[in-house]
Amino acid sequence: MSAISWPPAIRTGEKRTGGGSIGAASGGNMSLVKVESSEGICTITMNRADKRNALSQQLCDELMAAYQAFEAGPDQVAILQAEGPHFSVGADLKDPPGAMWKAVPHVSHKLSKPVIGATRGWVIGGAIVMIMTCDMLVAADTTKLMYPEARVGAFGGLAPGVVARMPHKVAMELILLGEELPLERAWQVGFVNKIVPEGQERAEARRMARIIADSAPLVIRTLRDFALQTLPKSPAEFIVPERYKLEQIAGSQDRIEGGAAFRDKRKPAFKGR
């Protein structure tokens, strides 16, 4: 096998414009994700440029909190982007995430509103899955797409979902060969909506988001919901969210209270958490 030329996964404030803080909605302070809101558009920015936005567990957890805040808030559309020259090089091998799926839009938290991805530089491994579940994608012409997990012995389960977002054999080429998928080809097969010069991807994503934010919310959500219901899902897309629900129950205060009440032979005082 030829040498792998991709850069490996790293081994080594929120505000609401015109609407106040959203820190409480997202679960408190976040240092690796910036969440901003302006005129119906939520911007979620990975802020770990010094590590090429490698996905640590903290970053994944903060992304999940950001998605939850977006869903609970008034904004009608979100833009997912990253600081620095690279969107994300995938899992941080020095701080490997045990639950990288939390970084994935619509998987970590079911969203009723669309997400537009804006990428530049490397988009590797788990980052491919993140943009896969975005409703639309604007890519700078420096964007490089690669899913090398089979070449390094890793697999999180969600990547086969690309089969529902591009032709089958092209998807197999991406996930089985682990080679870079040319950006132009990704656009030709519909995985990317627009390719723009680097530096213009955020503006174009915002232009698209502006159209959505100015449209009828109920219609936008229903159109998107119906469209997603026609989209096939990989097994992991079904399993991961359900497993998370079971894990929440297993670690809940109610489970502890139920066991204690049984031992004490008393009525449990459940609190729903």
Protein backbone atom coordinates (compact mmCIF):
# COMPACT_ATOMS: atom_id res chain seq x y z
CA MET A 1 0.00 0.00 0.00
CA SER A 2 1.30 3.45 -0.89
CA ALA A 3 2.17 5.91 1.83
CA ILE A 4 -0.72 7.95 3.17
CA SER A 5 -0.18 11.56 2.14
CA TRP A 6 -2.98 13.14 4.14
CA PRO A 7 -2.12 15.03 7.36
CA PRO A 8 -3.04 12.58 10.14
CA ALA A 9 -5.44 13.50 12.92
CA ILE A 10 -3.58 15.54 15.48
CA ARG A 11 -1.19 13.60 17.68
CA THR A 12 0.32 16.14 19.49
CA GLY A 13 -17.48 32.91 24.01
CA GLU A 14 -20.75 32.89 22.75
CA LYS A 15 -22.92 35.85 21.92
CA ARG A 16 -26.33 36.62 20.51
CA THR A 17 -26.14 39.68 18.29
CA GLY A 18 -29.08 41.84 19.17
CA GLY A 19 -30.50 39.19 21.45
CA GLY A 20 -28.33 38.59 24.48
CA SER A 21 -26.28 35.62 25.65
CA ILE A 22 -27.07 32.03 24.76
CA GLY A 23 -24.57 30.47 27.15
CA ALA A 24 -27.24 29.04 29.42
CA ALA A 25 -29.02 27.36 26.52
CA SER A 26 -25.84 25.66 25.42
CA GLY A 27 -24.95 24.40 28.85
CA GLY A 28 -22.56 27.08 30.11
CA ASN A 29 -19.19 28.35 28.90
CA MET A 30 -17.65 26.77 25.82
CA SER A 31 -14.02 27.28 24.88
CA LEU A 32 -13.75 25.24 21.68
CA VAL A 33 -16.98 26.28 19.95
CA LYS A 34 -18.29 29.78 19.29
CA VAL A 35 -22.04 30.23 18.88
CA GLU A 36 -23.44 33.48 17.51
CA SER A 37 -26.93 34.51 16.51
CA SER A 38 -27.95 37.30 14.18
CA GLU A 39 -31.22 37.95 12.38
CA GLY A 40 -32.46 34.38 12.40
CA ILE A 41 -29.11 32.77 11.56
CA CYS A 42 -27.07 30.77 14.09
CA THR A 43 -23.35 30.46 13.38
CA ILE A 44 -21.54 27.53 14.99
CA THR A 45 -17.75 27.80 14.69
CA MET A 46 -15.20 25.22 15.76
CA ASN A 47 -12.42 27.17 17.48
CA ARG A 48 -9.48 24.81 17.76
CA ALA A 49 -7.38 26.06 14.87
CA ASP A 50 -4.09 25.37 16.68
CA LYS A 51 -4.98 21.66 16.47
CA ARG A 52 -6.49 21.96 12.98
CA ASN A 53 -9.88 21.53 14.67
CA ALA A 54 -9.13 17.92 15.56
CA LEU A 55 -12.15 16.35 17.23
CA SER A 56 -11.45 15.86 20.93
CA GLN A 57 -14.24 14.72 23.24
CA GLN A 58 -14.56 18.24 24.63
CA LEU A 59 -15.02 19.66 21.13
CA CYS A 60 -17.61 16.98 20.31
CA ASP A 61 -19.49 17.68 23.55
CA GLU A 62 -19.50 21.42 22.88
CA LEU A 63 -20.75 20.90 19.33
CA MET A 64 -23.63 18.82 20.67
CA ALA A 65 -24.46 21.59 23.15
CA ALA A 66 -24.37 24.11 20.30
CA TYR A 67 -26.81 22.05 18.24
CA GLN A 68 -29.12 21.79 21.24
CA ALA A 69 -28.97 25.57 21.75
CA PHE A 70 -29.73 26.15 18.07
CA GLU A 71 -32.74 23.84 18.14
CA ALA A 72 -34.10 25.45 21.30
CA GLY A 73 -33.53 28.99 20.07
CA PRO A 74 -35.40 31.22 17.61
CA ASP A 75 -32.94 30.99 14.71
CA GLN A 76 -34.24 29.30 11.57
CA VAL A 77 -30.98 28.03 10.09
CA ALA A 78 -27.41 27.32 11.24
CA ILE A 79 -24.04 27.61 9.56
CA LEU A 80 -21.34 25.13 10.65
CA GLN A 81 -17.81 26.37 10.04
CA ALA A 82 -14.33 26.42 11.58
CA GLU A 83 -11.57 28.85 12.42
CA GLY A 84 -8.20 28.47 10.74
CA PRO A 85 -7.13 27.04 7.38
CA HIS A 86 -8.74 23.62 7.93
CA PHE A 87 -12.31 22.61 8.70
CA SER A 88 -11.19 19.53 10.67
CA VAL A 89 -8.62 16.76 10.34
CA GLY A 90 -10.89 14.30 12.16
CA ALA A 91 -10.33 12.55 15.48
CA ASP A 92 -7.66 13.86 17.82
CA LEU A 93 -5.47 10.82 18.42
CA LYS A 94 -3.94 12.39 21.54
CA ASP A 95 -7.38 12.90 23.02
CA PRO A 96 -9.56 10.42 21.11
CA PRO A 97 -13.27 11.07 21.49
CA GLY A 98 -15.22 8.15 22.88
CA ALA A 99 -18.40 9.61 21.41
CA MET A 100 -17.41 11.43 18.23
CA TRP A 101 -21.00 11.13 16.96
CA LYS A 102 -21.85 14.05 19.26
CA ALA A 103 -20.13 16.32 16.72
CA VAL A 104 -22.46 15.25 13.92
CA PRO A 105 -25.43 17.51 13.11
CA HIS A 106 -28.83 15.79 13.22
CA VAL A 107 -27.29 12.64 14.77
CA SER A 108 -26.16 13.99 18.15
CA HIS A 109 -29.36 15.98 18.50
CA LYS A 110 -32.36 15.78 16.21
CA LEU A 111 -32.79 19.13 14.50
CA SER A 112 -35.95 20.42 12.90
CA LYS A 113 -34.06 23.23 11.17
CA PRO A 114 -31.43 23.11 8.39
CA VAL A 115 -27.66 23.34 8.77
CA ILE A 116 -25.36 24.67 6.05
CA GLY A 117 -21.70 23.62 6.14
CA ALA A 118 -18.88 25.95 5.07
CA THR A 119 -15.50 24.27 4.58
CA ARG A 120 -11.92 25.01 3.64
CA GLY A 121 -8.73 22.97 3.80
CA TRP A 122 -8.76 19.42 5.11
CA VAL A 123 -12.03 17.62 5.85
CA ILE A 124 -10.94 14.20 7.08
CA GLY A 125 -12.51 11.16 8.72
CA GLY A 126 -15.17 12.14 11.22
CA ALA A 127 -15.35 15.59 9.65
CA ILE A 128 -16.63 13.92 6.46
CA VAL A 129 -19.52 12.58 8.52
CA MET A 130 -20.20 16.05 9.91
CA ILE A 131 -20.58 17.61 6.47
CA MET A 132 -22.44 14.53 5.22
CA THR A 133 -25.36 15.32 7.49
CA CYS A 134 -25.40 19.04 6.74
CA ASP A 135 -28.38 19.94 4.58
CA MET A 136 -26.23 21.96 2.18
CA LEU A 137 -22.51 22.50 1.77
CA VAL A 138 -20.42 25.39 0.46
CA ALA A 139 -16.77 24.47 -0.07
CA ALA A 140 -13.80 26.75 -0.59
CA ASP A 141 -11.66 25.66 -3.52
CA THR A 142 -8.98 24.59 -1.02
CA THR A 143 -11.27 21.95 0.51
CA LYS A 144 -9.80 18.43 0.49
CA LEU A 145 -12.08 15.49 1.25
CA MET A 146 -10.75 12.22 2.61
CA TYR A 147 -12.00 9.29 4.69
CA PRO A 148 -8.86 7.18 5.44
CA GLU A 149 -10.25 5.20 8.38
CA ALA A 150 -9.88 1.79 6.70
CA ARG A 151 -6.19 2.52 6.13
CA VAL A 152 -5.57 3.28 9.79
CA GLY A 153 -7.89 0.68 11.34
CA ALA A 154 -10.62 2.98 12.61
CA PHE A 155 -14.37 3.17 12.02
CA GLY A 156 -17.09 5.01 13.92
CA GLY A 157 -20.08 3.53 12.10
CA LEU A 158 -21.71 6.58 10.50
CA ALA A 159 -19.69 7.05 7.30
CA PRO A 160 -21.66 4.53 5.17
CA GLY A 161 -24.43 7.12 5.25
CA VAL A 162 -22.61 8.82 2.35
CA VAL A 163 -24.19 6.18 0.11
CA ALA A 164 -27.47 8.08 0.51
CA ARG A 165 -25.78 11.36 -0.43
CA MET A 166 -23.81 10.39 -3.55
CA PRO A 167 -23.75 7.55 -6.11
CA HIS A 168 -22.94 4.18 -4.56
CA LYS A 169 -19.66 3.52 -6.36
CA VAL A 170 -18.35 7.01 -5.67
CA ALA A 171 -19.19 6.53 -1.99
CA MET A 172 -17.34 3.21 -2.00
CA GLU A 173 -14.34 4.92 -3.57
CA LEU A 174 -14.34 7.51 -0.78
CA ILE A 175 -14.73 5.20 2.21
CA LEU A 176 -12.91 2.06 1.01
CA LEU A 177 -9.85 3.47 -0.76
CA GLY A 178 -9.13 6.25 1.71
CA GLU A 179 -7.85 8.49 -1.06
CA GLU A 180 -8.68 12.15 -1.54
CA LEU A 181 -11.95 12.64 -3.40
CA PRO A 182 -11.41 15.53 -5.83
CA LEU A 183 -13.57 18.48 -4.85
CA GLU A 184 -14.79 18.99 -8.41
CA ARG A 185 -16.00 15.41 -8.50
CA ALA A 186 -17.74 15.80 -5.13
CA TRP A 187 -19.59 18.76 -6.63
CA GLN A 188 -20.44 16.86 -9.82
CA VAL A 189 -22.07 14.02 -7.86
CA GLY A 190 -24.02 16.40 -5.63
CA PHE A 191 -22.13 16.05 -2.34
CA VAL A 192 -21.16 19.73 -2.50
CA ASN A 193 -23.58 22.48 -3.48
CA LYS A 194 -21.10 25.19 -4.42
CA ILE A 195 -17.36 25.64 -4.81
CA VAL A 196 -16.12 29.18 -4.24
CA PRO A 197 -12.70 30.83 -3.93
CA GLU A 198 -11.21 30.46 -0.46
CA GLY A 199 -12.39 33.25 1.77
CA GLN A 200 -15.82 33.44 0.16
CA GLU A 201 -17.31 30.25 1.60
CA ARG A 202 -18.71 31.92 4.72
CA ALA A 203 -20.31 34.76 2.76
CA GLU A 204 -21.93 32.33 0.32
CA ALA A 205 -23.18 30.10 3.14
CA ARG A 206 -24.63 33.17 4.81
CA ARG A 207 -26.31 34.27 1.58
CA MET A 208 -28.03 30.89 1.38
CA ALA A 209 -28.90 31.01 5.07
CA ARG A 210 -30.40 34.47 4.64
CA ILE A 211 -32.85 33.13 2.05
CA ILE A 212 -33.91 30.36 4.44
CA ALA A 213 -34.19 32.69 7.43
CA ASP A 214 -36.45 35.01 5.40
CA SER A 215 -38.71 32.17 4.26
CA ALA A 216 -41.75 30.69 6.00
CA PRO A 217 -40.38 28.64 8.94
CA LEU A 218 -43.18 26.07 8.94
CA VAL A 219 -42.76 25.41 5.22
CA ILE A 220 -38.96 25.17 5.47
CA ARG A 221 -39.16 22.69 8.35
CA THR A 222 -41.84 20.59 6.68
CA LEU A 223 -40.02 20.48 3.34
CA ARG A 224 -36.84 19.42 5.11
CA ASP A 225 -38.63 16.86 7.28
CA PHE A 226 -40.36 15.24 4.31
CA ALA A 227 -37.08 15.19 2.37
CA LEU A 228 -35.21 13.52 5.24
CA GLN A 229 -37.94 10.90 5.57
CA THR A 230 -37.20 9.81 2.00
CA LEU A 231 -33.45 9.59 2.66
CA PRO A 232 -32.08 6.13 3.52
CA LYS A 233 -30.02 5.85 6.71
CA SER A 234 -27.06 3.71 7.67
CA PRO A 235 -27.57 1.29 10.60
CA ALA A 236 -25.49 3.49 12.91
CA GLU A 237 -27.69 6.52 12.21
CA PHE A 238 -30.53 4.59 13.83
CA ILE A 239 -28.51 2.94 16.60
CA VAL A 240 -26.37 5.81 17.92
CA PRO A 241 -29.17 8.17 19.04
CA GLU A 242 -31.08 5.31 20.67
CA ARG A 243 -27.99 4.06 22.47
CA TYR A 244 -27.45 7.56 23.83
CA LYS A 245 -30.98 7.59 25.24
CA LEU A 246 -30.30 4.29 27.01
CA GLU A 247 -27.00 5.63 28.37
CA GLN A 248 -28.83 8.68 29.71
CA ILE A 249 -31.25 6.42 31.56
CA ALA A 250 -28.42 4.25 32.90
CA GLY A 251 -26.66 7.30 34.35
CA SER A 252 -29.76 9.17 35.47
CA GLN A 253 -30.67 10.33 38.95
CA ASP A 254 -33.97 8.51 38.54
CA ARG A 255 -32.17 5.19 38.09
CA ILE A 256 -30.19 5.79 41.28
CA GLU A 257 -33.32 6.91 43.12
CA GLY A 258 -35.25 3.89 41.89
CA GLY A 259 -32.63 1.49 43.21
CA ALA A 260 -32.40 3.31 46.54
CA ALA A 261 -36.17 3.36 46.95
CA PHE A 262 -36.37 -0.36 46.24
CA ARG A 263 -33.70 -1.10 48.85
CA ASP A 264 -35.37 1.21 51.38
CA LYS A 265 -38.82 -0.18 50.59
CA ARG A 266 -40.28 3.26 49.93
CA LYS A 267 -41.97 5.10 47.10
CA PRO A 268 -39.38 6.59 44.71
CA ALA A 269 -39.27 10.37 44.22
CA PHE A 270 -38.49 10.57 40.51
CA LYS A 271 -37.48 13.93 39.01
CA GLY A 272 -37.27 13.11 35.33
CA ARG A 273 -33.50 13.48 35.13
